[in-house]
C-alpha atoms as a PDB file:
ATOM      1  CA  MET A   1     -85.834  32.335  36.833  1.00  0.00           C
ATOM      2  CA  PHE A   2     -82.138  32.029  36.135  1.00  0.00           C
ATOM      3  CA  SER A   3     -79.576  34.801  36.254  1.00  0.00           C
ATOM      4  CA  LYS A   4     -77.500  35.329  33.097  1.00  0.00           C
ATOM      5  CA  GLU A   5     -74.554  33.644  34.799  1.00  0.00           C
ATOM      6  CA  ASP A   6     -76.645  30.667  35.973  1.00  0.00           C
ATOM      7  CA  SER A   7     -78.150  30.324  32.514  1.00  0.00           C
ATOM      8  CA  LYS A   8     -74.682  30.384  30.931  1.00  0.00           C
ATOM      9  CA  LYS A   9     -73.457  27.675  33.319  1.00  0.00           C
ATOM     10  CA  MET A  10     -76.533  25.550  32.589  1.00  0.00           C
ATOM     11  CA  ARG A  11     -75.968  25.844  28.809  1.00  0.00           C
ATOM     12  CA  GLU A  12     -72.288  24.947  29.227  1.00  0.00           C
ATOM     13  CA  GLU A  13     -73.235  21.946  31.374  1.00  0.00           C
ATOM     14  CA  PHE A  14     -75.778  20.786  28.792  1.00  0.00           C
ATOM     15  CA  TRP A  15     -73.348  20.968  25.856  1.00  0.00           C
ATOM     16  CA  THR A  16     -70.534  19.367  27.864  1.00  0.00           C
ATOM     17  CA  SER A  17     -72.871  16.533  28.898  1.00  0.00           C
ATOM     18  CA  PHE A  18     -74.083  16.121  25.325  1.00  0.00           C
ATOM     19  CA  GLY A  19     -70.504  15.938  24.054  1.00  0.00           C
ATOM     20  CA  LYS A  20     -69.620  13.276  26.616  1.00  0.00           C
ATOM     21  CA  LYS A  21     -72.712  11.194  25.865  1.00  0.00           C
ATOM     22  CA  TYR A  22     -72.218  11.475  22.085  1.00  0.00           C
ATOM     23  CA  PRO A  23     -68.481  11.932  21.452  1.00  0.00           C
ATOM     24  CA  HIS A  24     -68.795  12.500  17.719  1.00  0.00           C
ATOM     25  CA  LYS A  25     -66.952  15.089  15.630  1.00  0.00           C
ATOM     26  CA  TRP A  26     -69.900  16.841  14.015  1.00  0.00           C
ATOM     27  CA  VAL A  27     -69.543  18.656  10.681  1.00  0.00           C
ATOM     28  CA  LEU A  28     -71.381  21.806  11.889  1.00  0.00           C
ATOM     29  CA  TYR A  29     -69.423  24.852  10.693  1.00  0.00           C
ATOM     30  CA  HIS A  30     -66.846  22.743   8.826  1.00  0.00           C
ATOM     31  CA  THR A  31     -68.985  22.100   5.758  1.00  0.00           C
ATOM     32  CA  GLY A  32     -66.380  23.349   3.325  1.00  0.00           C
ATOM     33  CA  ILE A  33     -68.968  25.845   2.057  1.00  0.00           C
ATOM     34  CA  LYS A  34     -68.624  29.185   3.845  1.00  0.00           C
ATOM     35  CA  GLU A  35     -72.304  30.096   3.478  1.00  0.00           C
ATOM     36  CA  VAL A  36     -73.690  26.723   4.625  1.00  0.00           C
ATOM     37  CA  GLN A  37     -73.583  25.520   8.233  1.00  0.00           C
ATOM     38  CA  LEU A  38     -75.145  22.692  10.189  1.00  0.00           C
ATOM     39  CA  LYS A  39     -76.359  23.874  13.593  1.00  0.00           C
ATOM     40  CA  PHE A  40     -77.664  22.701  16.932  1.00  0.00           C
ATOM     41  CA  THR A  41     -80.051  25.008  18.800  1.00  0.00           C
ATOM     42  CA  PHE A  42     -81.427  24.458  22.291  1.00  0.00           C
ATOM     43  CA  ASN A  43     -82.920  27.264  24.350  1.00  0.00           C
ATOM     44  CA  THR A  44     -85.769  27.826  26.781  1.00  0.00           C
ATOM     45  CA  ASP A  45     -88.456  27.087  24.164  1.00  0.00           C
ATOM     46  CA  LEU A  46     -87.226  24.489  21.695  1.00  0.00           C
ATOM     47  CA  ALA A  47     -84.469  22.354  20.273  1.00  0.00           C
ATOM     48  CA  GLN A  48     -83.519  22.429  16.602  1.00  0.00           C
ATOM     49  CA  VAL A  49     -81.123  20.805  14.197  1.00  0.00           C
ATOM     50  CA  SER A  50     -80.682  22.802  11.014  1.00  0.00           C
ATOM     51  CA  ILE A  51     -78.867  23.593   7.825  1.00  0.00           C
ATOM     52  CA  ASP A  52     -78.478  27.372   7.735  1.00  0.00           C
ATOM     53  CA  ILE A  53     -77.589  29.339   4.641  1.00  0.00           C
ATOM     54  CA  SER A  54     -76.289  32.825   5.244  1.00  0.00           C
ATOM     55  CA  SER A  55     -74.561  35.244   2.897  1.00  0.00           C
ATOM     56  CA  ALA A  56     -74.364  39.005   2.579  1.00  0.00           C
ATOM     57  CA  ASP A  57     -74.758  38.382  -1.160  1.00  0.00           C
ATOM     58  CA  GLU A  58     -78.421  37.583  -1.877  1.00  0.00           C
ATOM     59  CA  VAL A  59     -77.530  35.817  -5.140  1.00  0.00           C
ATOM     60  CA  ILE A  60     -75.209  33.391  -3.327  1.00  0.00           C
ATOM     61  CA  GLN A  61     -77.771  32.784  -0.570  1.00  0.00           C
ATOM     62  CA  GLU A  62     -80.459  32.109  -3.190  1.00  0.00           C
ATOM     63  CA  TYR A  63     -78.103  29.774  -5.081  1.00  0.00           C
ATOM     64  CA  TYR A  64     -77.440  27.522  -2.080  1.00  0.00           C
ATOM     65  CA  PHE A  65     -81.066  27.636  -0.949  1.00  0.00           C
ATOM     66  CA  GLU A  66     -82.244  26.500  -4.394  1.00  0.00           C
ATOM     67  CA  LYS A  67     -79.620  23.721  -4.542  1.00  0.00           C
ATOM     68  CA  ILE A  68     -80.772  22.226  -1.223  1.00  0.00           C
ATOM     69  CA  TYR A  69     -84.441  22.952  -1.944  1.00  0.00           C
ATOM     70  CA  ALA A  70     -84.124  20.916  -5.153  1.00  0.00           C
ATOM     71  CA  LEU A  71     -83.212  17.939  -2.919  1.00  0.00           C
ATOM     72  CA  ARG A  72     -86.178  18.415  -0.548  1.00  0.00           C
ATOM     73  CA  THR A  73     -87.999  15.233  -1.647  1.00  0.00           C
ATOM     74  CA  ILE A  74     -84.910  13.115  -0.991  1.00  0.00           C
ATOM     75  CA  LEU A  75     -84.275  14.959   2.275  1.00  0.00           C
ATOM     76  CA  LYS A  76     -87.856  14.292   3.462  1.00  0.00           C
ATOM     77  CA  GLU A  77     -88.260  10.746   2.178  1.00  0.00           C
ATOM     78  CA  GLU A  78     -84.842   9.319   2.991  1.00  0.00           C
ATOM     79  CA  TYR A  79     -83.534  11.361   5.914  1.00  0.00           C
ATOM     80  CA  LEU A  80     -85.876  13.650   7.863  1.00  0.00           C
ATOM     81  CA  PRO A  81     -89.619  13.307   7.140  1.00  0.00           C
ATOM     82  CA  THR A  82     -90.495  16.228   9.426  1.00  0.00           C
ATOM     83  CA  ILE A  83     -88.013  18.722   7.946  1.00  0.00           C
ATOM     84  CA  GLU A  84     -89.294  22.301   7.755  1.00  0.00           C
ATOM     85  CA  ILE A  85     -88.063  24.748   5.139  1.00  0.00           C
ATOM     86  CA  GLU A  86     -87.988  28.520   5.543  1.00  0.00           C
ATOM     87  CA  LYS A  87     -86.347  30.676   2.921  1.00  0.00           C
ATOM     88  CA  ASN A  88     -86.468  33.723   5.216  1.00  0.00           C
ATOM     89  CA  TYR A  89     -86.034  32.485   8.799  1.00  0.00           C
ATOM     90  CA  LEU A  90     -85.597  35.274  11.332  1.00  0.00           C
ATOM     91  CA  LEU A  91     -83.082  34.485  14.073  1.00  0.00           C
ATOM     92  CA  PRO A  92     -83.624  35.916  17.600  1.00  0.00           C
ATOM     93  CA  GLU A  93     -80.838  38.459  17.043  1.00  0.00           C
ATOM     94  CA  GLY A  94     -82.678  39.826  13.992  1.00  0.00           C
ATOM     95  CA  LYS A  95     -80.536  38.233  11.271  1.00  0.00           C
ATOM     96  CA  GLU A  96     -82.304  36.465   8.418  1.00  0.00           C
ATOM     97  CA  VAL A  97     -81.084  33.098   7.110  1.00  0.00           C
ATOM     98  CA  SER A  98     -82.506  30.341   4.954  1.00  0.00           C
ATOM     99  CA  ARG A  99     -83.113  27.331   7.190  1.00  0.00           C
ATOM    100  CA  PHE A 100     -83.927  23.659   6.692  1.00  0.00           C
ATOM    101  CA  TYR A 101     -84.712  22.291  10.166  1.00  0.00           C
ATOM    102  CA  VAL A 102     -86.367  19.813  12.471  1.00  0.00           C
ATOM    103  CA  GLN A 103     -87.682  21.070  15.764  1.00  0.00           C
ATOM    104  CA  LEU A 104     -88.658  19.696  19.147  1.00  0.00           C
ATOM    105  CA  ASP A 105     -91.067  22.009  20.964  1.00  0.00           C
ATOM    106  CA  SER A 106     -91.846  22.452  24.663  1.00  0.00           C
ATOM    107  CA  VAL A 107     -88.353  21.699  25.938  1.00  0.00           C
ATOM    108  CA  ASN A 108     -86.239  23.999  28.073  1.00  0.00           C
ATOM    109  CA  ILE A 109     -82.472  23.985  28.469  1.00  0.00           C
ATOM    110  CA  HIS A 110     -82.949  25.055  32.107  1.00  0.00           C
ATOM    111  CA  ASN A 111     -84.966  21.902  32.865  1.00  0.00           C
ATOM    112  CA  LYS A 112     -82.585  18.959  33.279  1.00  0.00           C
ATOM    113  CA  THR A 113     -85.452  16.478  33.031  1.00  0.00           C
ATOM    114  CA  HIS A 114     -85.747  17.503  29.356  1.00  0.00           C
ATOM    115  CA  TRP A 115     -82.090  16.834  28.624  1.00  0.00           C
ATOM    116  CA  PRO A 116     -82.251  13.070  27.867  1.00  0.00           C
ATOM    117  CA  GLN A 117     -85.019  13.627  25.314  1.00  0.00           C
ATOM    118  CA  VAL A 118     -83.104  16.520  23.730  1.00  0.00           C
ATOM    119  CA  PHE A 119     -79.822  14.561  23.676  1.00  0.00           C
ATOM    120  CA  GLU A 120     -81.572  11.832  21.694  1.00  0.00           C
ATOM    121  CA  PHE A 121     -83.338  14.316  19.406  1.00  0.00           C
ATOM    122  CA  LEU A 122     -80.152  16.242  18.603  1.00  0.00           C
ATOM    123  CA  ASN A 123     -78.019  13.153  18.071  1.00  0.00           C
ATOM    124  CA  ASN A 124     -80.503  11.298  15.862  1.00  0.00           C
ATOM    125  CA  ASN A 125     -81.486  14.263  13.743  1.00  0.00           C
ATOM    126  CA  MET A 126     -78.015  15.736  13.301  1.00  0.00           C
ATOM    127  CA  GLY A 127     -76.824  12.287  12.317  1.00  0.00           C
ATOM    128  CA  GLN A 128     -79.441  12.222   9.567  1.00  0.00           C
ATOM    129  CA  LEU A 129     -78.774  15.818   8.493  1.00  0.00           C
ATOM    130  CA  GLU A 130     -75.035  15.163   8.323  1.00  0.00           C
ATOM    131  CA  ALA A 131     -75.542  11.982   6.321  1.00  0.00           C
ATOM    132  CA  PHE A 132     -77.675  13.928   3.839  1.00  0.00           C
ATOM    133  CA  PHE A 133     -75.156  16.761   3.609  1.00  0.00           C
ATOM    134  CA  ILE A 134     -72.175  14.467   3.132  1.00  0.00           C
ATOM    135  CA  GLU A 135     -74.005  12.449   0.460  1.00  0.00           C
ATOM    136  CA  TYR A 136     -75.043  15.545  -1.531  1.00  0.00           C
ATOM    137  CA  LYS A 137     -72.246  18.009  -0.749  1.00  0.00           C
ATOM    138  CA  ASP A 138     -70.728  17.820  -4.230  1.00  0.00           C
ATOM    139  CA  TYR A 139     -74.097  18.657  -5.783  1.00  0.00           C
ATOM    140  CA  ILE A 140     -74.762  21.478  -3.293  1.00  0.00           C
ATOM    141  CA  GLU A 141     -71.318  22.930  -3.877  1.00  0.00           C
ATOM    142  CA  GLY A 142     -71.603  22.454  -7.654  1.00  0.00           C
END
């Protein structure tokens, strides 16, 4: 069991190590579309790479969800065959987003032996998700 402080240090060490191993300027929050973000997640249960859509305005959230959803065949066939799609994905803090994601189960940020596998998973899958987003950004924004 890790204290909050130990857990925080471990997370910082993971992300610092990841950044050194893969020194790439990821798109992430800088999509140019306020409601659409690319995200990395790694906690004590899983690792994820996702496109999250979040807006206080349900019409705007629905609009961006439908735009990306319309591209799901291309996304699956050309970029990420294991992509999952959830229109109403509940985040741990209770907020609901629309999420397109790939997930690696049974990994733990507190277990350093999992880190190499997660580094590879995050890098490969975010690379694919970014390539998809960059290719279709104009359509998504449309």
